[in-house]
Amino acid sequence: MSSPQQTPDATLASKATPTIDAADAVLHIHSARLIEASTQDVWNALTDTSTWPSWNTFVPRVTIRAQPGVTSSESSLSPVLQQGTKMTFHVQMDPSAPKPQRAQDIPLVVAEFDPPDAATKKPGRVVWTADVSASGSLPAFLLTAERVHEVEQVGETPGGKAVTEVRNWEAQVGYLVYVVRWMYGVQLKKNFETWVQGLKTYVEKGGAAA
């Protein structure tokens, strides 16, 4: 039996987001990792933002602004993503910087949420996009961003442990994206690699065991 293989860079680079074709993107970023864990454990860590401070140096903090079916007056909103979750990422653009940085706040909304199914081997998929309805958000013609994550079991280790691939890609369009690409393109690619490596390390150490 051959070992599980990670999705090639060229394949990820050609992937569209829900409304942006890869060929139309001004900026397209992607990364992937093989993780020795079940799809459910990987999914749990990815979609429960309360775990992010433990593994996600790129976005170590998330503010959940709204959850579907929950009134905004409720003091505690679930940190777990679902269809329609509105959130703000507090981004550390250079996670390796020796000095504290001012976080960049990015308002987003979960546009797709489809958990994995272990029984049928169906991959999980979650998509978040820029929340143009949020206060202070940029107009779509300046910057539209869509990010896709997929979580899929792609094989097993020789010892019979599940191997799951997490792969993700983001496409951006808009006039401002040319500036983003020039200023942050290289750093964002590093951050996407840091994201999946941090997730892998956290899950393989048992941080998200169901």
N, C-alpha and C. Protein backbone atom coordinates (compact mmCIF):
# COMPACT_ATOMS: atom_id res chain seq x y z
N MET A 1 0.84 -1.19 0.00
CA MET A 1 0.00 0.00 0.00
C MET A 1 0.89 1.24 0.00
N SER A 2 0.64 2.18 -0.90
CA SER A 2 1.46 3.38 -0.99
C SER A 2 1.10 4.35 0.14
N SER A 3 2.09 5.17 0.50
CA SER A 3 1.87 6.15 1.56
C SER A 3 0.96 7.27 1.06
N PRO A 4 0.16 7.85 1.96
CA PRO A 4 -0.68 8.99 1.55
C PRO A 4 0.18 10.14 1.03
N GLN A 5 -0.31 10.80 0.02
CA GLN A 5 0.42 11.90 -0.60
C GLN A 5 -0.33 13.20 -0.39
N GLN A 6 0.42 14.25 -0.10
CA GLN A 6 -0.16 15.58 0.05
C GLN A 6 -0.51 16.15 -1.32
N THR A 7 -1.60 16.91 -1.39
CA THR A 7 -2.01 17.54 -2.64
C THR A 7 -0.90 18.45 -3.17
N PRO A 8 -0.49 18.29 -4.43
CA PRO A 8 0.60 19.12 -4.98
C PRO A 8 0.25 20.60 -4.99
N ASP A 9 1.28 21.43 -4.86
CA ASP A 9 1.10 22.88 -4.89
C ASP A 9 0.36 23.34 -6.14
N ALA A 10 0.72 22.75 -7.27
CA ALA A 10 0.11 23.19 -8.54
C ALA A 10 -1.40 22.95 -8.55
N THR A 11 -1.82 21.86 -7.92
CA THR A 11 -3.25 21.57 -7.84
C THR A 11 -3.97 22.58 -6.95
N LEU A 12 -3.38 22.86 -5.79
CA LEU A 12 -3.98 23.84 -4.89
C LEU A 12 -4.04 25.22 -5.53
N ALA A 13 -3.00 25.57 -6.27
CA ALA A 13 -2.93 26.90 -6.90
C ALA A 13 -4.01 27.09 -7.95
N SER A 14 -4.58 26.01 -8.45
CA SER A 14 -5.60 26.10 -9.50
C SER A 14 -7.02 26.06 -8.95
N LYS A 15 -7.17 25.96 -7.64
CA LYS A 15 -8.49 25.78 -7.05
C LYS A 15 -9.24 27.10 -6.91
N ALA A 16 -10.50 27.07 -7.29
CA ALA A 16 -11.37 28.24 -7.16
C ALA A 16 -11.98 28.28 -5.77
N THR A 17 -12.38 29.47 -5.36
CA THR A 17 -13.23 29.63 -4.18
C THR A 17 -14.67 29.76 -4.69
N PRO A 18 -15.66 29.88 -3.82
CA PRO A 18 -17.05 29.84 -4.31
C PRO A 18 -17.38 30.81 -5.44
N THR A 19 -16.82 32.01 -5.42
CA THR A 19 -17.18 32.98 -6.47
C THR A 19 -15.97 33.56 -7.20
N ILE A 20 -14.76 33.06 -6.88
CA ILE A 20 -13.55 33.59 -7.52
C ILE A 20 -12.78 32.45 -8.16
N ASP A 21 -12.63 32.51 -9.47
CA ASP A 21 -11.82 31.52 -10.17
C ASP A 21 -10.35 31.81 -9.91
N ALA A 22 -9.54 30.77 -9.82
CA ALA A 22 -8.12 30.95 -9.54
C ALA A 22 -7.46 31.86 -10.56
N ALA A 23 -7.87 31.75 -11.82
CA ALA A 23 -7.26 32.56 -12.88
C ALA A 23 -7.60 34.04 -12.74
N ASP A 24 -8.69 34.34 -12.04
CA ASP A 24 -9.11 35.73 -11.87
C ASP A 24 -8.56 36.37 -10.60
N ALA A 25 -8.00 35.57 -9.71
CA ALA A 25 -7.53 36.09 -8.43
C ALA A 25 -6.30 36.96 -8.61
N VAL A 26 -6.31 38.11 -7.97
CA VAL A 26 -5.11 38.95 -7.93
C VAL A 26 -4.09 38.33 -6.99
N LEU A 27 -4.58 37.71 -5.92
CA LEU A 27 -3.73 37.01 -4.96
C LEU A 27 -4.37 35.67 -4.64
N HIS A 28 -3.57 34.60 -4.75
CA HIS A 28 -4.05 33.25 -4.44
C HIS A 28 -2.99 32.60 -3.57
N ILE A 29 -3.40 32.19 -2.37
CA ILE A 29 -2.48 31.61 -1.40
C ILE A 29 -3.03 30.25 -0.98
N HIS A 30 -2.14 29.30 -0.67
CA HIS A 30 -2.61 27.97 -0.30
C HIS A 30 -1.56 27.26 0.55
N SER A 31 -2.00 26.21 1.23
CA SER A 31 -1.09 25.34 1.97
C SER A 31 -1.83 24.06 2.32
N ALA A 32 -1.07 23.03 2.68
CA ALA A 32 -1.66 21.74 3.05
C ALA A 32 -0.70 20.99 3.96
N ARG A 33 -1.25 20.07 4.75
CA ARG A 33 -0.44 19.18 5.59
C ARG A 33 -1.16 17.86 5.75
N LEU A 34 -0.36 16.80 5.90
CA LEU A 34 -0.87 15.50 6.30
C LEU A 34 -0.76 15.40 7.82
N ILE A 35 -1.84 14.99 8.46
CA ILE A 35 -1.91 14.93 9.92
C ILE A 35 -2.30 13.52 10.34
N GLU A 36 -1.54 12.94 11.23
CA GLU A 36 -1.85 11.59 11.72
C GLU A 36 -2.91 11.69 12.81
N ALA A 37 -4.15 11.79 12.38
CA ALA A 37 -5.29 11.92 13.28
C ALA A 37 -6.56 11.75 12.45
N SER A 38 -7.67 11.56 13.14
CA SER A 38 -8.95 11.42 12.44
C SER A 38 -9.40 12.76 11.87
N THR A 39 -10.26 12.69 10.87
CA THR A 39 -10.81 13.92 10.30
C THR A 39 -11.57 14.71 11.37
N GLN A 40 -12.24 14.00 12.27
CA GLN A 40 -13.03 14.69 13.30
C GLN A 40 -12.14 15.49 14.24
N ASP A 41 -10.99 14.91 14.63
CA ASP A 41 -10.09 15.64 15.52
C ASP A 41 -9.52 16.88 14.84
N VAL A 42 -9.16 16.76 13.57
CA VAL A 42 -8.65 17.92 12.83
C VAL A 42 -9.75 18.97 12.70
N TRP A 43 -10.94 18.53 12.35
CA TRP A 43 -12.08 19.44 12.19
C TRP A 43 -12.39 20.16 13.50
N ASN A 44 -12.35 19.42 14.61
CA ASN A 44 -12.65 20.03 15.91
C ASN A 44 -11.70 21.18 16.22
N ALA A 45 -10.42 20.98 15.98
CA ALA A 45 -9.44 22.04 16.27
C ALA A 45 -9.60 23.22 15.33
N LEU A 46 -9.87 22.92 14.06
CA LEU A 46 -10.01 23.98 13.07
C LEU A 46 -11.22 24.85 13.33
N THR A 47 -12.32 24.25 13.74
CA THR A 47 -13.58 24.99 13.84
C THR A 47 -13.91 25.49 15.25
N ASP A 48 -13.13 25.09 16.24
CA ASP A 48 -13.32 25.60 17.60
C ASP A 48 -12.27 26.67 17.86
N THR A 49 -12.66 27.92 17.73
CA THR A 49 -11.68 29.00 17.81
C THR A 49 -11.10 29.18 19.22
N SER A 50 -11.70 28.53 20.22
CA SER A 50 -11.11 28.61 21.56
C SER A 50 -9.79 27.85 21.63
N THR A 51 -9.54 26.95 20.67
CA THR A 51 -8.26 26.22 20.63
C THR A 51 -7.17 27.02 19.93
N TRP A 52 -7.53 28.04 19.19
CA TRP A 52 -6.56 28.71 18.34
C TRP A 52 -5.38 29.33 19.08
N PRO A 53 -5.56 29.89 20.28
CA PRO A 53 -4.37 30.42 20.97
C PRO A 53 -3.30 29.35 21.21
N SER A 54 -3.70 28.08 21.22
CA SER A 54 -2.76 26.99 21.48
C SER A 54 -1.95 26.58 20.26
N TRP A 55 -2.42 26.95 19.05
CA TRP A 55 -1.71 26.47 17.86
C TRP A 55 -1.60 27.50 16.74
N ASN A 56 -2.40 28.53 16.76
CA ASN A 56 -2.50 29.43 15.61
C ASN A 56 -1.81 30.76 15.90
N THR A 57 -0.54 30.86 15.57
CA THR A 57 0.19 32.11 15.84
C THR A 57 -0.16 33.21 14.85
N PHE A 58 -0.72 32.86 13.71
CA PHE A 58 -1.15 33.84 12.70
C PHE A 58 -2.42 34.55 13.16
N VAL A 59 -3.39 33.76 13.65
CA VAL A 59 -4.64 34.34 14.18
C VAL A 59 -4.87 33.74 15.58
N PRO A 60 -4.16 34.24 16.58
CA PRO A 60 -4.27 33.65 17.91
C PRO A 60 -5.54 34.02 18.67
N ARG A 61 -6.29 34.98 18.12
CA ARG A 61 -7.51 35.40 18.82
C ARG A 61 -8.61 35.70 17.82
N VAL A 62 -9.81 35.25 18.14
CA VAL A 62 -10.99 35.47 17.31
C VAL A 62 -12.11 35.99 18.20
N THR A 63 -12.78 37.03 17.76
CA THR A 63 -13.98 37.51 18.44
C THR A 63 -15.20 37.05 17.65
N ILE A 64 -16.05 36.26 18.28
CA ILE A 64 -17.31 35.85 17.65
C ILE A 64 -18.31 36.98 17.87
N ARG A 65 -18.77 37.59 16.79
CA ARG A 65 -19.68 38.73 16.88
C ARG A 65 -21.14 38.31 16.84
N ALA A 66 -21.42 37.21 16.18
CA ALA A 66 -22.81 36.74 16.08
C ALA A 66 -22.82 35.26 15.71
N GLN A 67 -23.79 34.54 16.29
CA GLN A 67 -24.05 33.16 15.92
C GLN A 67 -25.51 33.04 15.50
N PRO A 68 -25.80 32.22 14.49
CA PRO A 68 -27.18 32.07 14.02
C PRO A 68 -28.12 31.63 15.13
N GLY A 69 -29.27 32.27 15.21
CA GLY A 69 -30.28 31.87 16.17
C GLY A 69 -30.01 32.30 17.60
N VAL A 70 -28.97 33.10 17.80
CA VAL A 70 -28.62 33.56 19.14
C VAL A 70 -28.72 35.08 19.18
N THR A 71 -29.38 35.61 20.18
CA THR A 71 -29.53 37.07 20.25
C THR A 71 -28.20 37.71 20.63
N SER A 72 -27.98 38.90 20.08
CA SER A 72 -26.71 39.59 20.32
C SER A 72 -26.55 40.03 21.76
N SER A 73 -27.65 40.02 22.53
CA SER A 73 -27.57 40.45 23.93
C SER A 73 -26.98 39.37 24.84
N GLU A 74 -26.91 38.14 24.33
CA GLU A 74 -26.34 37.07 25.15
C GLU A 74 -24.84 37.31 25.31
N SER A 75 -24.38 37.17 26.56
CA SER A 75 -23.01 37.59 26.88
C SER A 75 -21.96 36.62 26.36
N SER A 76 -22.30 35.36 26.22
CA SER A 76 -21.31 34.37 25.82
C SER A 76 -21.77 33.64 24.56
N LEU A 77 -21.06 33.88 23.47
CA LEU A 77 -21.36 33.20 22.21
C LEU A 77 -20.40 32.03 22.03
N SER A 78 -20.90 30.93 21.49
CA SER A 78 -20.06 29.75 21.27
C SER A 78 -18.86 30.11 20.39
N PRO A 79 -17.67 29.60 20.75
CA PRO A 79 -16.49 29.84 19.92
C PRO A 79 -16.41 28.91 18.72
N VAL A 80 -17.37 27.98 18.60
CA VAL A 80 -17.34 26.99 17.53
C VAL A 80 -18.03 27.54 16.28
N LEU A 81 -17.34 27.45 15.17
CA LEU A 81 -17.89 27.97 13.92
C LEU A 81 -19.08 27.14 13.46
N GLN A 82 -19.99 27.79 12.76
CA GLN A 82 -21.12 27.14 12.10
C GLN A 82 -21.54 28.01 10.92
N GLN A 83 -22.44 27.49 10.12
CA GLN A 83 -22.95 28.27 8.99
C GLN A 83 -23.51 29.60 9.50
N GLY A 84 -22.99 30.71 8.97
CA GLY A 84 -23.50 32.02 9.34
C GLY A 84 -22.79 32.71 10.48
N THR A 85 -21.82 32.05 11.11
CA THR A 85 -21.06 32.70 12.18
C THR A 85 -20.40 33.98 11.65
N LYS A 86 -20.54 35.06 12.40
CA LYS A 86 -19.84 36.31 12.08
C LYS A 86 -18.74 36.50 13.12
N MET A 87 -17.55 36.80 12.65
CA MET A 87 -16.39 36.81 13.54
C MET A 87 -15.39 37.86 13.07
N THR A 88 -14.48 38.21 13.97
CA THR A 88 -13.38 39.09 13.62
C THR A 88 -12.08 38.39 13.96
N PHE A 89 -11.22 38.22 12.97
CA PHE A 89 -9.89 37.69 13.19
C PHE A 89 -8.98 38.83 13.66
N HIS A 90 -8.21 38.58 14.71
CA HIS A 90 -7.21 39.53 15.18
C HIS A 90 -5.85 38.99 14.73
N VAL A 91 -5.41 39.46 13.58
CA VAL A 91 -4.30 38.87 12.84
C VAL A 91 -2.95 39.43 13.29
N GLN A 92 -2.00 38.52 13.49
CA GLN A 92 -0.60 38.89 13.69
C GLN A 92 0.11 38.63 12.36
N MET A 93 0.37 39.70 11.62
CA MET A 93 0.88 39.51 10.26
C MET A 93 2.25 38.86 10.24
N ASP A 94 3.07 39.10 11.27
CA ASP A 94 4.38 38.45 11.35
C ASP A 94 4.48 37.72 12.68
N PRO A 95 4.02 36.48 12.74
CA PRO A 95 4.00 35.75 14.02
C PRO A 95 5.37 35.56 14.64
N SER A 96 6.43 35.63 13.83
CA SER A 96 7.78 35.40 14.35
C SER A 96 8.46 36.68 14.84
N ALA A 97 7.78 37.81 14.75
CA ALA A 97 8.38 39.08 15.17
C ALA A 97 8.72 39.05 16.66
N PRO A 98 9.90 39.56 17.04
CA PRO A 98 10.31 39.51 18.45
C PRO A 98 9.51 40.44 19.35
N LYS A 99 8.95 41.51 18.79
CA LYS A 99 8.21 42.48 19.59
C LYS A 99 6.71 42.34 19.33
N PRO A 100 5.90 42.66 20.33
CA PRO A 100 4.44 42.60 20.13
C PRO A 100 4.00 43.51 18.99
N GLN A 101 3.01 43.06 18.24
CA GLN A 101 2.49 43.82 17.12
C GLN A 101 1.05 44.23 17.41
N ARG A 102 0.65 45.29 16.76
CA ARG A 102 -0.76 45.66 16.81
C ARG A 102 -1.52 44.73 15.87
N ALA A 103 -2.55 44.09 16.38
CA ALA A 103 -3.31 43.14 15.56
C ALA A 103 -4.10 43.87 14.48
N GLN A 104 -4.21 43.22 13.33
CA GLN A 104 -5.07 43.71 12.26
C GLN A 104 -6.41 42.99 12.37
N ASP A 105 -7.49 43.75 12.47
CA ASP A 105 -8.82 43.17 12.65
C ASP A 105 -9.50 42.96 11.30
N ILE A 106 -9.90 41.70 11.05
CA ILE A 106 -10.51 41.32 9.77
C ILE A 106 -11.90 40.74 10.03
N PRO A 107 -12.98 41.44 9.65
CA PRO A 107 -14.33 40.90 9.83
C PRO A 107 -14.67 39.87 8.75
N LEU A 108 -15.18 38.73 9.19
CA LEU A 108 -15.47 37.61 8.28
C LEU A 108 -16.80 36.97 8.65
N VAL A 109 -17.32 36.18 7.71
CA VAL A 109 -18.54 35.42 7.96
C VAL A 109 -18.37 34.02 7.36
N VAL A 110 -18.89 33.00 8.06
CA VAL A 110 -18.81 31.63 7.56
C VAL A 110 -19.90 31.44 6.51
N ALA A 111 -19.48 31.21 5.27
CA ALA A 111 -20.41 31.10 4.15
C ALA A 111 -20.80 29.66 3.83
N GLU A 112 -19.94 28.70 4.17
CA GLU A 112 -20.24 27.28 4.00
C GLU A 112 -19.72 26.53 5.22
N PHE A 113 -20.47 25.52 5.64
CA PHE A 113 -20.04 24.71 6.78
C PHE A 113 -20.60 23.30 6.60
N ASP A 114 -19.72 22.37 6.27
CA ASP A 114 -20.14 21.00 5.97
C ASP A 114 -19.18 20.04 6.67
N PRO A 115 -19.52 19.54 7.86
CA PRO A 115 -18.61 18.70 8.63
C PRO A 115 -18.28 17.39 7.92
N PRO A 116 -17.15 16.78 8.27
CA PRO A 116 -16.80 15.47 7.70
C PRO A 116 -17.71 14.38 8.25
N ASP A 117 -17.80 13.29 7.52
CA ASP A 117 -18.59 12.13 7.94
C ASP A 117 -17.68 10.91 7.90
N ALA A 118 -17.33 10.40 9.07
CA ALA A 118 -16.39 9.28 9.15
C ALA A 118 -16.96 8.03 8.50
N ALA A 119 -18.27 7.83 8.60
CA ALA A 119 -18.89 6.61 8.07
C ALA A 119 -18.80 6.54 6.56
N THR A 120 -18.98 7.67 5.90
CA THR A 120 -18.97 7.69 4.43
C THR A 120 -17.66 8.22 3.85
N LYS A 121 -16.73 8.63 4.75
CA LYS A 121 -15.44 9.22 4.33
C LYS A 121 -15.62 10.56 3.62
N LYS A 122 -16.77 11.20 3.83
CA LYS A 122 -17.00 12.50 3.19
C LYS A 122 -16.10 13.54 3.82
N PRO A 123 -15.38 14.33 3.01
CA PRO A 123 -14.52 15.38 3.57
C PRO A 123 -15.34 16.47 4.24
N GLY A 124 -14.72 17.17 5.16
CA GLY A 124 -15.32 18.36 5.73
C GLY A 124 -14.88 19.59 4.95
N ARG A 125 -15.74 20.60 4.92
CA ARG A 125 -15.42 21.82 4.17
C ARG A 125 -16.03 23.02 4.90
N VAL A 126 -15.20 24.03 5.12
CA VAL A 126 -15.67 25.28 5.70
C VAL A 126 -15.08 26.43 4.89
N VAL A 127 -15.92 27.42 4.63
CA VAL A 127 -15.53 28.59 3.84
C VAL A 127 -15.88 29.84 4.62
N TRP A 128 -14.92 30.75 4.73
CA TRP A 128 -15.27 32.06 5.26
C TRP A 128 -14.88 33.14 4.26
N THR A 129 -15.63 34.22 4.30
CA THR A 129 -15.46 35.30 3.34
C THR A 129 -15.47 36.63 4.08
N ALA A 130 -15.04 37.67 3.39
CA ALA A 130 -15.10 39.01 3.97
C ALA A 130 -16.54 39.36 4.31
N ASP A 131 -16.75 39.92 5.49
CA ASP A 131 -18.09 40.31 5.93
C ASP A 131 -18.31 41.78 5.58
N VAL A 132 -18.89 42.02 4.42
CA VAL A 132 -19.07 43.40 3.95
C VAL A 132 -20.12 44.15 4.76
N SER A 133 -20.90 43.42 5.58
CA SER A 133 -21.92 44.08 6.41
C SER A 133 -21.35 44.60 7.72
N ALA A 134 -20.12 44.21 8.05
CA ALA A 134 -19.54 44.61 9.33
C ALA A 134 -19.11 46.07 9.31
N SER A 135 -19.20 46.69 10.46
CA SER A 135 -18.76 48.08 10.59
C SER A 135 -17.28 48.20 10.27
N GLY A 136 -16.93 49.15 9.41
CA GLY A 136 -15.54 49.37 9.07
C GLY A 136 -14.99 48.46 8.00
N SER A 137 -15.82 47.59 7.44
CA SER A 137 -15.33 46.67 6.40
C SER A 137 -15.10 47.42 5.10
N LEU A 138 -14.24 46.86 4.27
CA LEU A 138 -13.93 47.48 2.98
C LEU A 138 -15.01 47.15 1.95
N PRO A 139 -15.29 48.06 1.03
CA PRO A 139 -16.21 47.75 -0.06
C PRO A 139 -15.67 46.60 -0.91
N ALA A 140 -16.57 45.81 -1.47
CA ALA A 140 -16.17 44.63 -2.23
C ALA A 140 -15.28 44.98 -3.42
N PHE A 141 -15.48 46.15 -4.03
CA PHE A 141 -14.66 46.48 -5.21
C PHE A 141 -13.21 46.77 -4.82
N LEU A 142 -12.98 47.09 -3.54
CA LEU A 142 -11.61 47.29 -3.08
C LEU A 142 -10.94 45.97 -2.71
N LEU A 143 -11.68 45.11 -2.00
CA LEU A 143 -11.10 43.83 -1.59
C LEU A 143 -12.21 42.84 -1.28
N THR A 144 -12.19 41.74 -2.00
CA THR A 144 -13.06 40.60 -1.72
C THR A 144 -12.15 39.40 -1.50
N ALA A 145 -12.34 38.71 -0.37
CA ALA A 145 -11.50 37.56 -0.05
C ALA A 145 -12.38 36.39 0.34
N GLU A 146 -12.01 35.20 -0.13
CA GLU A 146 -12.72 33.96 0.21
C GLU A 146 -11.69 32.88 0.52
N ARG A 147 -11.89 32.19 1.63
CA ARG A 147 -10.94 31.14 2.03
C ARG A 147 -11.67 29.83 2.26
N VAL A 148 -11.11 28.77 1.71
CA VAL A 148 -11.69 27.43 1.78
C VAL A 148 -10.75 26.52 2.57
N HIS A 149 -11.31 25.74 3.48
CA HIS A 149 -10.58 24.64 4.12
C HIS A 149 -11.30 23.34 3.81
N GLU A 150 -10.54 22.32 3.48
CA GLU A 150 -11.08 20.96 3.35
C GLU A 150 -10.27 20.03 4.24
N VAL A 151 -10.98 19.09 4.87
CA VAL A 151 -10.37 18.12 5.78
C VAL A 151 -10.82 16.74 5.30
N GLU A 152 -9.86 15.90 4.90
CA GLU A 152 -10.21 14.62 4.28
C GLU A 152 -9.25 13.53 4.70
N GLN A 153 -9.79 12.36 5.06
CA GLN A 153 -8.93 11.22 5.33
C GLN A 153 -8.39 10.69 4.00
N VAL A 154 -7.06 10.58 3.93
CA VAL A 154 -6.42 10.18 2.67
C VAL A 154 -5.68 8.85 2.78
N GLY A 155 -5.75 8.22 3.95
CA GLY A 155 -5.08 6.93 4.10
C GLY A 155 -4.87 6.60 5.55
N GLU A 156 -3.95 5.65 5.78
CA GLU A 156 -3.60 5.23 7.13
C GLU A 156 -2.09 5.04 7.22
N THR A 157 -1.58 5.12 8.43
CA THR A 157 -0.18 4.79 8.68
C THR A 157 -0.02 3.27 8.63
N PRO A 158 1.22 2.76 8.54
CA PRO A 158 1.41 1.31 8.59
C PRO A 158 0.82 0.67 9.84
N GLY A 159 0.70 1.46 10.91
CA GLY A 159 0.11 0.95 12.14
C GLY A 159 -1.40 1.06 12.21
N GLY A 160 -2.01 1.56 11.12
CA GLY A 160 -3.46 1.64 11.07
C GLY A 160 -4.08 2.93 11.57
N LYS A 161 -3.25 3.94 11.83
CA LYS A 161 -3.78 5.22 12.29
C LYS A 161 -4.22 6.07 11.11
N ALA A 162 -5.33 6.76 11.26
CA ALA A 162 -5.84 7.59 10.17
C ALA A 162 -4.86 8.70 9.82
N VAL A 163 -4.77 8.99 8.53
CA VAL A 163 -4.00 10.13 8.04
C VAL A 163 -4.98 11.07 7.35
N THR A 164 -5.07 12.28 7.85
CA THR A 164 -5.99 13.28 7.32
C THR A 164 -5.21 14.41 6.66
N GLU A 165 -5.68 14.83 5.51
CA GLU A 165 -5.08 16.02 4.89
C GLU A 165 -5.96 17.23 5.19
N VAL A 166 -5.33 18.30 5.66
CA VAL A 166 -5.99 19.59 5.72
C VAL A 166 -5.37 20.43 4.60
N ARG A 167 -6.22 20.96 3.77
CA ARG A 167 -5.76 21.81 2.66
C ARG A 167 -6.62 23.07 2.65
N ASN A 168 -5.99 24.17 2.32
CA ASN A 168 -6.75 25.41 2.31
C ASN A 168 -6.18 26.35 1.27
N TRP A 169 -7.05 27.20 0.78
CA TRP A 169 -6.63 28.18 -0.22
C TRP A 169 -7.51 29.41 -0.11
N GLU A 170 -6.93 30.54 -0.44
CA GLU A 170 -7.65 31.81 -0.40
C GLU A 170 -7.45 32.55 -1.70
N ALA A 171 -8.51 33.14 -2.20
CA ALA A 171 -8.45 33.97 -3.41
C ALA A 171 -8.93 35.37 -3.04
N GLN A 172 -8.24 36.37 -3.58
CA GLN A 172 -8.61 37.76 -3.34
C GLN A 172 -8.68 38.51 -4.66
N VAL A 173 -9.67 39.38 -4.77
CA VAL A 173 -9.79 40.28 -5.92
C VAL A 173 -10.13 41.67 -5.40
N GLY A 174 -9.87 42.68 -6.24
CA GLY A 174 -10.17 44.06 -5.87
C GLY A 174 -8.95 44.94 -6.03
N TYR A 175 -9.19 46.23 -6.16
CA TYR A 175 -8.09 47.17 -6.40
C TYR A 175 -7.04 47.14 -5.30
N LEU A 176 -7.48 47.01 -4.05
CA LEU A 176 -6.54 47.07 -2.93
C LEU A 176 -5.66 45.83 -2.85
N VAL A 177 -6.07 44.75 -3.48
CA VAL A 177 -5.32 43.50 -3.38
C VAL A 177 -3.95 43.62 -4.04
N TYR A 178 -3.80 44.50 -5.01
CA TYR A 178 -2.48 44.71 -5.62
C TYR A 178 -1.50 45.22 -4.57
N VAL A 179 -1.98 46.08 -3.68
CA VAL A 179 -1.15 46.59 -2.60
C VAL A 179 -0.87 45.48 -1.58
N VAL A 180 -1.91 44.71 -1.24
CA VAL A 180 -1.74 43.60 -0.31
C VAL A 180 -0.71 42.61 -0.84
N ARG A 181 -0.80 42.29 -2.10
CA ARG A 181 0.14 41.33 -2.71
C ARG A 181 1.57 41.86 -2.65
N TRP A 182 1.74 43.14 -2.94
CA TRP A 182 3.07 43.75 -2.94
C TRP A 182 3.65 43.81 -1.53
N MET A 183 2.82 44.20 -0.56
CA MET A 183 3.32 44.39 0.80
C MET A 183 3.40 43.09 1.61
N TYR A 184 2.44 42.21 1.40
CA TYR A 184 2.30 41.06 2.30
C TYR A 184 2.28 39.70 1.61
N GLY A 185 2.41 39.65 0.29
CA GLY A 185 2.26 38.38 -0.41
C GLY A 185 3.17 37.29 0.09
N VAL A 186 4.46 37.60 0.24
CA VAL A 186 5.43 36.60 0.70
C VAL A 186 5.13 36.19 2.14
N GLN A 187 4.83 37.18 2.98
CA GLN A 187 4.55 36.89 4.39
C GLN A 187 3.28 36.07 4.55
N LEU A 188 2.26 36.36 3.75
CA LEU A 188 1.02 35.58 3.85
C LEU A 188 1.25 34.12 3.48
N LYS A 189 2.09 33.87 2.49
CA LYS A 189 2.40 32.49 2.14
C LYS A 189 3.06 31.78 3.33
N LYS A 190 3.99 32.45 3.99
CA LYS A 190 4.61 31.87 5.18
C LYS A 190 3.57 31.62 6.26
N ASN A 191 2.65 32.57 6.42
CA ASN A 191 1.64 32.43 7.47
C ASN A 191 0.68 31.28 7.21
N PHE A 192 0.38 31.03 5.94
CA PHE A 192 -0.48 29.89 5.61
C PHE A 192 0.23 28.57 5.93
N GLU A 193 1.54 28.53 5.70
CA GLU A 193 2.31 27.33 6.06
C GLU A 193 2.36 27.17 7.58
N THR A 194 2.55 28.28 8.28
CA THR A 194 2.57 28.26 9.74
C THR A 194 1.24 27.76 10.29
N TRP A 195 0.16 28.19 9.65
CA TRP A 195 -1.21 27.81 10.08
C TRP A 195 -1.37 26.29 10.07
N VAL A 196 -1.07 25.65 8.94
CA VAL A 196 -1.31 24.20 8.86
C VAL A 196 -0.29 23.42 9.68
N GLN A 197 0.93 23.93 9.80
CA GLN A 197 1.92 23.24 10.63
C GLN A 197 1.53 23.31 12.10
N GLY A 198 1.04 24.47 12.53
CA GLY A 198 0.59 24.60 13.91
C GLY A 198 -0.59 23.69 14.21
N LEU A 199 -1.51 23.59 13.27
CA LEU A 199 -2.66 22.70 13.42
C LEU A 199 -2.20 21.25 13.52
N LYS A 200 -1.29 20.86 12.66
CA LYS A 200 -0.75 19.49 12.66
C LYS A 200 -0.11 19.16 14.01
N THR A 201 0.76 20.04 14.48
CA THR A 201 1.46 19.79 15.74
C THR A 201 0.48 19.66 16.90
N TYR A 202 -0.49 20.56 16.94
CA TYR A 202 -1.48 20.56 18.03
C TYR A 202 -2.31 19.28 18.03
N VAL A 203 -2.82 18.90 16.88
CA VAL A 203 -3.71 17.74 16.82
C VAL A 203 -2.93 16.45 17.08
N GLU A 204 -1.74 16.33 16.52
CA GLU A 204 -0.97 15.10 16.71
C GLU A 204 -0.52 14.91 18.15
N LYS A 205 -0.48 16.00 18.91
CA LYS A 205 -0.16 15.89 20.34
C LYS A 205 -1.41 15.60 21.18
N GLY A 206 -2.55 15.45 20.51
CA GLY A 206 -3.77 15.09 21.22
C GLY A 206 -4.60 16.26 21.70
N GLY A 207 -4.30 17.45 21.19
CA GLY A 207 -4.99 18.64 21.67
C GLY A 207 -6.45 18.72 21.30
N ALA A 208 -6.88 17.97 20.28
CA ALA A 208 -8.27 18.09 19.83
C ALA A 208 -9.00 16.75 19.86
N ALA A 209 -8.49 15.81 20.63
CA ALA A 209 -9.11 14.48 20.65
C ALA A 209 -10.55 14.56 21.10
N ALA A 210 -11.43 13.91 20.32
CA ALA A 210 -12.87 13.95 20.62
C ALA A 210 -13.18 13.14 21.88
